[in-house]
Protein backbone atom coordinates (compact mmCIF):
# COMPACT_ATOMS: atom_id res chain seq x y z
CA MET A 1 -45.23 -33.80 -150.99
CA ILE A 2 -41.67 -33.06 -151.13
CA TYR A 3 -42.50 -29.39 -151.05
CA LYS A 4 -44.55 -29.79 -147.96
CA VAL A 5 -41.90 -31.76 -146.25
CA GLY A 6 -39.33 -29.19 -147.13
CA THR A 7 -41.64 -26.49 -145.91
CA VAL A 8 -42.20 -28.27 -142.64
CA LEU A 9 -38.46 -28.74 -142.20
CA ALA A 10 -37.91 -25.13 -142.97
CA VAL A 11 -40.54 -24.04 -140.48
CA LEU A 12 -39.09 -26.34 -137.84
CA ALA A 13 -35.67 -24.98 -138.52
CA LEU A 14 -36.87 -21.41 -138.24
CA GLY A 15 -38.82 -22.19 -135.07
CA HIS A 16 -35.77 -23.73 -133.42
CA ALA A 17 -33.72 -20.70 -134.23
CA PHE A 18 -35.96 -18.46 -132.12
CA VAL A 19 -35.93 -20.63 -128.95
CA PRO A 20 -34.16 -18.64 -126.15
CA ALA A 21 -30.76 -20.07 -125.18
CA ARG A 22 -29.89 -21.18 -121.62
CA PRO A 23 -27.55 -18.91 -119.59
CA PRO A 24 -23.89 -20.08 -119.64
CA VAL A 25 -22.42 -21.69 -116.51
CA ARG A 26 -19.40 -19.83 -115.20
CA ASN A 27 -16.10 -21.69 -114.87
CA SER A 28 -15.66 -20.63 -111.23
CA VAL A 29 -18.94 -22.29 -110.30
CA ILE A 30 -17.90 -25.48 -112.04
CA VAL A 31 -14.48 -25.45 -110.30
CA LYS A 32 -16.09 -24.82 -106.92
CA MET A 33 -18.57 -27.69 -107.39
CA SER A 34 -15.72 -29.94 -108.50
CA LEU A 35 -13.62 -29.09 -105.39
CA GLU A 36 -16.57 -29.64 -103.05
CA THR A 37 -17.28 -32.99 -104.68
CA ALA A 38 -13.59 -33.97 -104.36
CA ASP A 39 -13.50 -32.98 -100.71
CA ALA A 40 -16.60 -34.97 -100.03
CA GLU A 41 -15.14 -38.03 -101.69
CA VAL A 42 -11.76 -37.92 -99.83
CA GLU A 43 -13.16 -36.86 -96.45
CA GLY A 44 -11.82 -39.17 -93.81
CA ALA A 45 -9.22 -40.73 -96.10
CA GLU A 46 -5.46 -40.53 -95.40
CA PRO A 47 -3.27 -38.71 -97.96
CA GLY A 48 -1.30 -40.98 -100.20
CA PRO A 49 2.48 -40.86 -100.73
CA LEU A 50 4.02 -38.24 -102.97
CA PRO A 51 5.30 -39.41 -106.28
CA PRO A 52 9.07 -40.07 -106.32
CA THR A 53 11.40 -37.46 -107.72
CA ARG A 54 14.87 -37.67 -109.15
CA PHE A 55 16.38 -36.47 -105.91
CA THR A 56 14.53 -39.00 -103.75
CA ASN A 57 15.59 -41.79 -106.06
CA LEU A 58 19.27 -40.75 -105.76
CA ALA A 59 18.97 -40.40 -101.98
CA ALA A 60 17.47 -43.85 -101.69
CA LYS A 61 20.37 -45.38 -103.57
CA TRP A 62 23.09 -43.44 -101.64
CA LYS A 63 23.97 -45.18 -98.42
CA GLY A 64 26.44 -42.56 -97.18
CA GLN A 65 29.71 -43.04 -95.29
CA VAL A 66 29.61 -45.78 -92.72
CA LEU A 67 30.92 -44.49 -89.36
CA ARG A 68 32.24 -46.55 -86.55
CA GLU A 69 29.92 -46.51 -83.56
CA GLU A 70 32.85 -46.28 -81.15
CA THR A 71 35.82 -43.93 -81.50
CA ASP A 72 39.12 -44.47 -79.80
CA GLU A 73 39.82 -41.06 -78.09
CA GLU A 74 43.37 -42.09 -77.26
CA LEU A 75 44.03 -42.86 -80.91
CA ALA A 76 42.44 -39.56 -82.01
CA GLY A 77 44.48 -37.50 -79.53
CA PHE A 78 41.53 -35.47 -78.19
CA SER A 79 38.08 -36.02 -76.75
CA TYR A 80 34.64 -34.81 -77.71
CA ASP A 81 34.83 -32.25 -74.87
CA ASP A 82 38.10 -30.89 -76.29
CA PHE A 83 36.53 -30.60 -79.71
CA GLU A 84 33.51 -28.80 -78.23
CA ASN A 85 35.73 -26.29 -76.42
CA ILE A 86 37.72 -25.59 -79.59
CA PHE A 87 34.52 -25.13 -81.52
CA GLU A 88 33.14 -22.68 -78.95
CA ASP A 89 36.38 -20.67 -79.16
CA THR A 90 35.92 -20.28 -82.89
CA LEU A 91 32.43 -18.89 -82.26
CA ARG A 92 33.60 -16.24 -79.73
CA ARG A 93 31.70 -12.98 -80.00
CA PHE A 94 33.42 -9.67 -79.25
CA VAL A 95 31.44 -6.82 -77.71
CA ARG A 96 32.17 -3.12 -77.40
CA GLY A 97 34.63 -2.35 -74.61
CA ASP A 98 36.44 -5.71 -74.65
CA ARG A 99 40.21 -5.54 -74.13
CA VAL A 100 42.01 -7.97 -76.45
CA THR A 101 45.62 -8.74 -77.26
CA GLY A 102 46.25 -8.72 -80.98
CA SER A 103 49.04 -9.02 -83.50
CA VAL A 104 49.40 -6.64 -86.46
CA VAL A 105 49.39 -8.67 -89.69
CA GLN A 106 48.96 -5.98 -92.35
CA ILE A 107 49.26 -2.20 -92.75
CA ASP A 108 47.64 -0.24 -95.57
CA PRO A 109 46.49 3.36 -96.13
CA GLU A 110 43.13 2.66 -94.45
CA GLY A 111 44.74 1.36 -91.26
CA ALA A 112 46.16 -1.84 -89.83
CA LEU A 113 44.65 -5.33 -89.78
CA VAL A 114 45.00 -6.94 -86.36
CA GLU A 115 44.56 -10.65 -85.63
CA ILE A 116 42.80 -10.88 -82.27
CA GLY A 117 42.40 -14.65 -82.02
CA ALA A 118 39.59 -17.08 -82.89
CA LYS A 119 40.52 -16.67 -86.56
CA SER A 120 39.22 -13.09 -86.34
CA THR A 121 40.77 -9.92 -87.70
CA ALA A 122 39.94 -6.34 -86.77
CA LEU A 123 40.72 -2.97 -88.33
CA LEU A 124 42.70 -0.25 -86.54
CA THR A 125 41.97 3.02 -88.35
CA GLN A 126 44.28 6.03 -88.36
CA LYS A 127 41.77 8.00 -86.27
CA GLU A 128 41.85 5.38 -83.49
CA ALA A 129 45.61 4.85 -83.55
CA GLY A 130 46.36 7.37 -80.79
CA LEU A 131 45.00 9.99 -78.42
CA ARG A 132 46.71 12.70 -80.44
CA SER A 133 47.07 12.88 -84.22
CA VAL A 134 49.59 10.26 -85.36
CA GLY A 135 49.78 11.09 -89.06
CA SER A 136 50.03 7.44 -90.11
CA VAL A 137 49.32 4.12 -88.45
CA GLU A 138 52.89 3.07 -89.26
CA ASN A 139 54.09 5.64 -86.70
CA VAL A 140 52.32 3.70 -83.95
CA VAL A 141 52.40 -0.02 -84.81
CA SER A 142 54.48 -2.32 -86.99
CA ILE A 143 53.79 -5.69 -88.60
CA GLY A 144 54.21 -8.54 -86.13
CA GLU A 145 53.83 -6.27 -83.08
CA GLU A 146 51.62 -7.55 -80.27
CA ARG A 147 49.81 -5.14 -77.98
CA GLU A 148 46.49 -4.48 -76.28
CA PHE A 149 43.52 -3.09 -78.19
CA GLU A 150 39.93 -2.19 -77.27
CA VAL A 151 36.96 -3.31 -79.34
CA ILE A 152 34.82 -0.29 -80.31
CA GLY A 153 32.24 -1.88 -82.66
CA GLU A 154 31.79 -2.88 -86.29
CA ASP A 155 31.94 -0.99 -89.56
CA GLN A 156 28.36 -0.26 -90.69
CA VAL A 157 29.15 -0.95 -94.34
CA SER A 158 31.53 -3.90 -94.37
CA GLY A 159 30.77 -5.35 -90.95
CA GLN A 160 34.51 -5.36 -90.16
CA LEU A 161 35.34 -5.47 -86.45
CA LEU A 162 37.00 -2.20 -85.28
CA VAL A 163 39.60 -1.82 -82.52
CA SER A 164 41.21 1.23 -80.93
CA ILE A 165 44.36 2.32 -79.11
CA LYS A 166 42.95 5.80 -78.58
CA GLN A 167 40.27 4.64 -76.13
CA ILE A 168 42.84 2.88 -73.95
CA GLU A 169 45.10 5.94 -73.86
CA PHE A 170 42.07 8.16 -73.18
CA ARG A 171 41.16 6.27 -70.01
CA GLU A 172 44.78 6.13 -68.87
CA ALA A 173 45.09 9.90 -69.37
CA TRP A 174 42.05 10.57 -67.17
CA ASP A 175 43.56 8.35 -64.46
CA ARG A 176 46.70 10.48 -64.59
CA MET A 177 44.64 13.68 -64.31
CA ILE A 178 43.06 12.36 -61.10
CA GLN A 179 46.49 11.51 -59.73
CA TYR A 180 47.92 14.92 -60.69
CA GLN A 181 45.09 16.69 -58.88
CA ALA A 182 45.58 14.56 -55.77
CA GLU A 183 49.30 15.32 -55.75
CA ASP A 184 48.65 19.02 -56.57
CA VAL A 185 51.33 19.07 -59.27
CA VAL A 186 51.92 21.76 -61.89
CA MET A 187 51.36 20.71 -65.53
CA ASP A 188 51.74 22.27 -68.97
CA ALA A 189 48.60 23.18 -70.94
CA THR A 190 48.56 24.24 -74.61
CA VAL A 191 45.86 26.68 -75.74
CA LEU A 192 43.73 25.26 -78.58
CA GLY A 193 41.24 28.13 -78.83
CA THR A 194 39.66 31.04 -76.99
CA ASN A 195 36.17 32.38 -76.34
CA ARG A 196 34.55 35.03 -74.17
CA GLY A 197 34.79 32.86 -71.05
CA GLY A 198 38.35 31.60 -71.31
CA CYS A 199 40.60 29.16 -73.16
CA LEU A 200 40.20 25.64 -74.49
CA VAL A 201 43.41 23.81 -73.55
CA ASP A 202 45.08 20.44 -74.09
CA VAL A 203 46.66 18.63 -71.14
CA GLU A 204 48.37 15.39 -72.21
CA GLY A 205 45.71 14.74 -74.84
CA ILE A 206 42.73 15.62 -72.62
CA ARG A 207 40.80 18.75 -73.51
CA GLY A 208 40.07 21.11 -70.65
CA PHE A 209 38.93 24.65 -69.93
CA MET A 210 40.82 27.52 -68.31
CA PRO A 211 38.53 30.41 -67.19
CA GLY A 212 39.62 33.89 -68.11
CA SER A 213 39.72 34.84 -64.43
CA HIS A 214 42.37 32.16 -63.88
CA LEU A 215 44.61 33.41 -66.67
CA SER A 216 47.67 35.43 -65.69
CA THR A 217 47.58 37.50 -68.88
CA GLU A 218 45.03 39.25 -71.06
CA LEU A 219 42.58 36.98 -72.87
CA ASN A 220 42.90 37.25 -76.66
CA ASP A 221 43.28 35.13 -79.80
CA ASP A 222 47.05 35.50 -79.74
CA LEU A 223 47.19 32.92 -76.94
CA VAL A 224 46.38 30.05 -79.34
CA GLY A 225 49.34 27.69 -79.51
CA LYS A 226 51.00 29.03 -76.36
CA THR A 227 51.76 26.84 -73.34
CA PHE A 228 50.95 27.81 -69.74
CA ARG A 229 51.77 26.28 -66.37
CA VAL A 230 48.53 25.21 -64.73
CA LYS A 231 47.09 23.49 -61.67
CA PHE A 232 43.88 21.49 -61.57
CA LEU A 233 40.68 22.96 -60.20
CA GLN A 234 38.25 20.18 -61.22
CA VAL A 235 38.75 16.68 -62.68
CA ASP A 236 35.61 14.67 -63.44
CA PRO A 237 36.01 11.76 -65.90
CA GLU A 238 32.34 10.84 -65.66
CA LEU A 239 31.26 14.25 -66.94
CA GLY A 240 34.37 14.69 -69.07
CA LYS A 241 35.08 17.95 -67.24
CA LEU A 242 38.61 19.28 -66.73
CA VAL A 243 39.15 22.82 -65.35
CA VAL A 244 42.63 24.26 -64.80
CA SER A 245 44.13 27.51 -63.50
CA ASN A 246 47.24 29.30 -64.66
CA ARG A 247 46.94 32.01 -61.99
CA ARG A 248 46.96 29.45 -59.19
CA ALA A 249 50.10 27.78 -60.52
CA ILE A 250 51.94 31.10 -60.81
CA LEU A 251 50.65 32.28 -57.45
CA GLU A 252 51.92 29.25 -55.58
CA GLU A 253 55.27 29.35 -57.34
CA GLN A 254 55.63 33.05 -56.49
CA MET A 255 54.38 32.56 -52.95
CA ALA A 256 57.04 29.94 -52.37
CA SER A 257 59.72 32.60 -52.94
CA VAL A 258 58.02 35.42 -51.01
CA GLY A 259 58.72 35.99 -47.33
CA ARG A 260 57.92 38.53 -44.66
CA GLY A 261 60.23 41.55 -44.92
CA ASP A 262 60.85 41.21 -48.67
CA LEU A 263 60.99 44.44 -50.67
CA LEU A 264 58.92 44.21 -53.87
CA GLU A 265 58.08 46.48 -56.76
CA GLY A 266 54.65 46.46 -58.36
CA GLU A 267 51.98 48.33 -60.26
CA VAL A 268 48.77 49.72 -58.77
CA LYS A 269 45.87 47.96 -60.48
CA ALA A 270 42.91 49.26 -58.48
CA VAL A 271 42.20 51.83 -55.77
CA LYS A 272 39.43 51.12 -53.25
CA PRO A 273 38.27 52.98 -50.13
CA TYR A 274 39.96 50.37 -47.93
CA GLY A 275 43.26 50.15 -49.83
CA ALA A 276 45.05 49.62 -53.14
CA PHE A 277 45.58 46.40 -55.09
CA VAL A 278 49.11 46.02 -56.39
CA ASP A 279 50.24 43.54 -59.05
CA VAL A 280 53.52 42.06 -57.83
CA ASN A 281 55.07 39.55 -60.27
CA GLY A 282 51.63 38.43 -61.41
CA ILE A 283 50.25 38.27 -57.86
CA SER A 284 47.51 40.62 -56.74
CA ALA A 285 48.43 41.87 -53.26
CA LEU A 286 46.64 44.30 -50.95
CA LEU A 287 48.13 47.49 -49.56
CA HIS A 288 45.68 48.28 -46.77
CA ILE A 289 44.92 51.91 -45.91
CA SER A 290 46.35 51.39 -42.42
CA GLN A 291 49.70 50.30 -43.92
CA ILE A 292 50.18 53.29 -46.28
CA SER A 293 51.56 55.77 -43.76
CA TYR A 294 52.03 56.27 -40.05
CA ASP A 295 49.94 59.41 -40.47
CA ARG A 296 46.22 59.16 -41.07
CA VAL A 297 45.22 58.76 -44.75
CA SER A 298 41.93 60.51 -45.50
CA ASN A 299 41.86 59.92 -49.28
CA ILE A 300 43.80 57.09 -50.92
CA GLU A 301 43.27 58.49 -54.44
CA LYS A 302 45.41 61.48 -53.49
CA VAL A 303 48.29 59.08 -52.76
CA PHE A 304 47.95 56.42 -55.48
CA GLU A 305 46.52 56.23 -58.95
CA VAL A 306 45.99 53.26 -61.28
CA GLY A 307 49.14 52.38 -63.24
CA MET A 308 51.49 53.93 -60.69
CA ARG A 309 54.72 51.98 -59.99
CA ILE A 310 55.51 51.70 -56.29
CA LYS A 311 57.84 49.91 -53.91
CA CYS A 312 56.43 48.15 -50.87
CA MET A 313 57.32 45.58 -48.23
CA VAL A 314 55.69 42.22 -47.47
CA VAL A 315 54.45 42.34 -43.90
CA ASP A 316 52.35 39.17 -44.00
CA HIS A 317 51.48 36.35 -46.42
CA ASP A 318 49.29 33.27 -46.42
CA LYS A 319 50.56 30.68 -48.92
CA ALA A 320 47.56 28.41 -48.53
CA ALA A 321 45.03 31.17 -49.23
CA GLY A 322 47.29 33.02 -51.67
CA ARG A 323 47.11 36.34 -49.81
CA ILE A 324 49.88 38.90 -49.49
CA ALA A 325 49.71 41.99 -47.29
CA LEU A 326 51.92 44.94 -48.25
CA SER A 327 53.12 48.05 -46.46
CA THR A 328 54.72 51.36 -47.43
CA ARG A 329 54.71 52.94 -43.97
CA THR A 330 57.55 50.62 -42.93
CA LEU A 331 59.62 52.32 -45.64
CA GLU A 332 58.97 55.89 -44.42
CA PRO A 333 62.15 57.64 -43.20
CA GLU A 334 59.85 59.93 -41.20
CA PRO A 335 56.16 59.37 -40.37
CA GLY A 336 53.95 60.94 -43.03
CA ASP A 337 56.54 60.91 -45.87
CA MET A 338 54.21 58.80 -48.05
CA LEU A 339 51.66 61.61 -47.93
CA ARG A 340 54.14 64.43 -48.46
CA ASP A 341 56.65 62.92 -50.94
CA PRO A 342 56.05 59.27 -52.03
CA GLN A 343 58.98 59.34 -54.47
CA LYS A 344 61.37 60.09 -51.61
CA VAL A 345 60.11 56.97 -49.85
CA PHE A 346 60.60 54.83 -52.99
CA ASP A 347 64.12 56.21 -53.61
CA ASN A 348 65.23 55.27 -50.09
CA ALA A 349 63.20 52.04 -49.94
CA GLU A 350 66.18 49.63 -49.86
CA ALA A 351 67.88 51.44 -47.00
CA SER A 352 64.62 51.83 -45.09
CA ALA A 353 63.79 48.14 -45.58
CA GLU A 354 67.20 47.09 -44.24
CA LYS A 355 66.76 49.31 -41.16
CA TRP A 356 63.31 47.88 -40.61
CA ARG A 357 64.65 44.28 -40.72
CA GLU A 358 67.43 45.15 -38.26
CA ARG A 359 64.94 46.76 -35.95
CA MET A 360 62.61 43.74 -36.17
CA GLU A 361 65.51 41.37 -35.44
CA ALA A 362 66.60 43.45 -32.45
CA GLU A 363 63.05 43.54 -31.10
CA LYS A 364 62.74 39.78 -31.55
CA LYS A 365 65.94 39.14 -29.60
CA ALA A 366 64.81 41.52 -26.89
CA ARG A 367 61.53 39.66 -26.54
CA GLU A 368 63.34 36.33 -26.38
CA GLU A 369 65.66 37.59 -23.63
CA ALA A 370 62.75 39.00 -21.70
CA ALA A 371 60.87 35.75 -22.05
CA LYS A 372 63.86 33.75 -20.86
CA ASP A 373 64.14 35.94 -17.78
CA ILE A 374 60.44 35.48 -17.05
CA VAL A 375 60.65 31.71 -17.49
CA SER A 376 63.77 31.47 -15.34
CA THR A 377 62.10 33.45 -12.60
CA LEU A 378 58.99 31.28 -12.82
CA GLY A 379 61.14 28.13 -12.77
CA GLU A 380 62.97 29.18 -9.66
CA GLY A 381 59.74 30.15 -7.97
CA LEU A 382 58.09 26.82 -8.83
CA GLY A 383 61.20 24.84 -7.95
CA LEU A 384 61.73 23.23 -11.36
CA GLY A 385 64.36 20.50 -11.09
CA GLY A 386 65.69 17.63 -13.11
CA ALA A 387 68.30 17.31 -15.79
CA GLU A 388 69.64 20.35 -17.63
CA ASP A 389 68.23 19.01 -20.94
CA ASP A 390 64.77 18.77 -19.42
CA LYS A 391 65.08 22.33 -18.12
CA ALA A 392 66.19 23.57 -21.53
CA GLU A 393 63.32 21.77 -23.25
CA SER A 394 60.80 23.21 -20.79
CA LEU A 395 62.21 26.70 -21.25
CA ASP A 396 62.14 26.39 -25.07
CA THR A 397 58.53 25.24 -25.00
CA VAL A 398 57.40 28.11 -22.80
CA LEU A 399 59.54 30.55 -24.79
CA SER A 400 57.95 29.59 -28.09
CA GLU A 401 54.49 30.03 -26.58
CA VAL A 402 55.34 33.42 -25.13
CA THR A 403 57.32 35.00 -27.96
CA GLY A 404 55.77 33.47 -31.12
CA GLU A 405 57.13 34.30 -34.56
CA GLY A 406 56.96 37.48 -36.67
CA ASP A 407 56.02 41.05 -36.04
CA ALA A 408 52.82 41.47 -34.06
CA ALA A 409 52.13 44.86 -35.59
CA ALA A 410 52.55 43.47 -39.09
CA GLN A 411 50.21 40.59 -38.31
CA ALA A 412 47.63 43.01 -36.97
CA GLY A 413 47.88 45.07 -40.14
CA ALA A 414 47.40 41.93 -42.23
CA VAL A 415 44.34 40.96 -40.22
CA ASP A 416 42.90 44.42 -40.75
CA ALA A 417 43.60 44.14 -44.46
CA GLU A 418 41.88 40.79 -44.69
CA ALA A 419 38.84 42.01 -42.78
CA ALA A 420 38.48 45.15 -44.87
CA ALA A 421 39.10 43.48 -48.27
CA PRO A 422 36.42 40.93 -49.16
CA GLU A 423 37.14 37.95 -51.40
CA GLU A 424 35.75 39.55 -54.55
CA GLY A 425 38.29 42.34 -54.37
CA ASN A 426 41.31 40.01 -54.25
CA PRO A 427 41.92 38.06 -57.44
CA GLY A 428 44.82 36.33 -55.81
CA ALA A 429 42.50 34.96 -53.15
CA GLN A 430 40.12 33.67 -55.78
CA ALA A 431 42.89 31.76 -57.45
């Protein structure tokens, strides 16, 4: 019996072992079902209070400082509006380009610390301490000094506010350049470098350009560091463009000392069909073909050659345009001497020039006397009356209109020279 029972139990045990097991339920499915069930249960219910924490318990027990609802402004010494204004001042924001007055509080190798108000400090670097190189900030400012600065931004690394003296001086220098050009003054320019087109120059800290055509000497690298007298051709702060001319400055200075009838010595620089260009004290002047000799000149190259030193007389000049007209025929002892023996003319140039001036003065007086006679005759015929001063004034007015000033022949020669010599042939005119 027992055997059978044991057998049955064994069979049952074996049979149970071969029953297929149910698939396991994943945890995510169980969690999802649990969340859905929880949502369904609390749907429509209000959330309950959070459990207290240590901080909330301390906050509930701390009552804080008890303030009076009313404050006596007279007792305090200032009002809420005053406090608000002071607070806004402490929050002042500086922007690029602001002009501020600051006091230097510290100087170190990196620059100077400047207190600019509102409990703010700014850094003045050595580079921004002046328009030109200053070497050290100590050469420009000292501790305790108050002066004007310009805000130029913030340091990208430290966030330190940066100020500059250089920018203020830069704008003031451009204002001076504009004034100098308006007054047409002569300034000094130092050559910083050269290139094929001209020179890079410094004029009171402003960099400018001097074209090679406006330089009174040969363009080369040896000019670096030298100083030249210049006048302004173009000043444009908006474009940062400054153009100067050394030739114009020299020309006007030389023109101021040149007059009609002066005897000059120069060097022939170019020979053209209409005349020769002569360099006279740095000024390019024209000796027109009609002013070479009283005899007809068929070929100028037979008379002059480049590099030849000659003596000539100023017969006309235009200071505004920078033009000078020369003549050698006025120095000829006999007509045609310039074609036969130019050296003879140059050797006797001083004596010939003095005779020419005496002759011009005598002719001028003769014209004045003749004009006076004509005016007197006209006055008598027209019955001019009145005071003697009125008569004299009338005669002087008519006399000046009739006689004019200068030598008519010389003026005609200068007009011919100007008509025959275009602008491109006269460097002095270009200046």
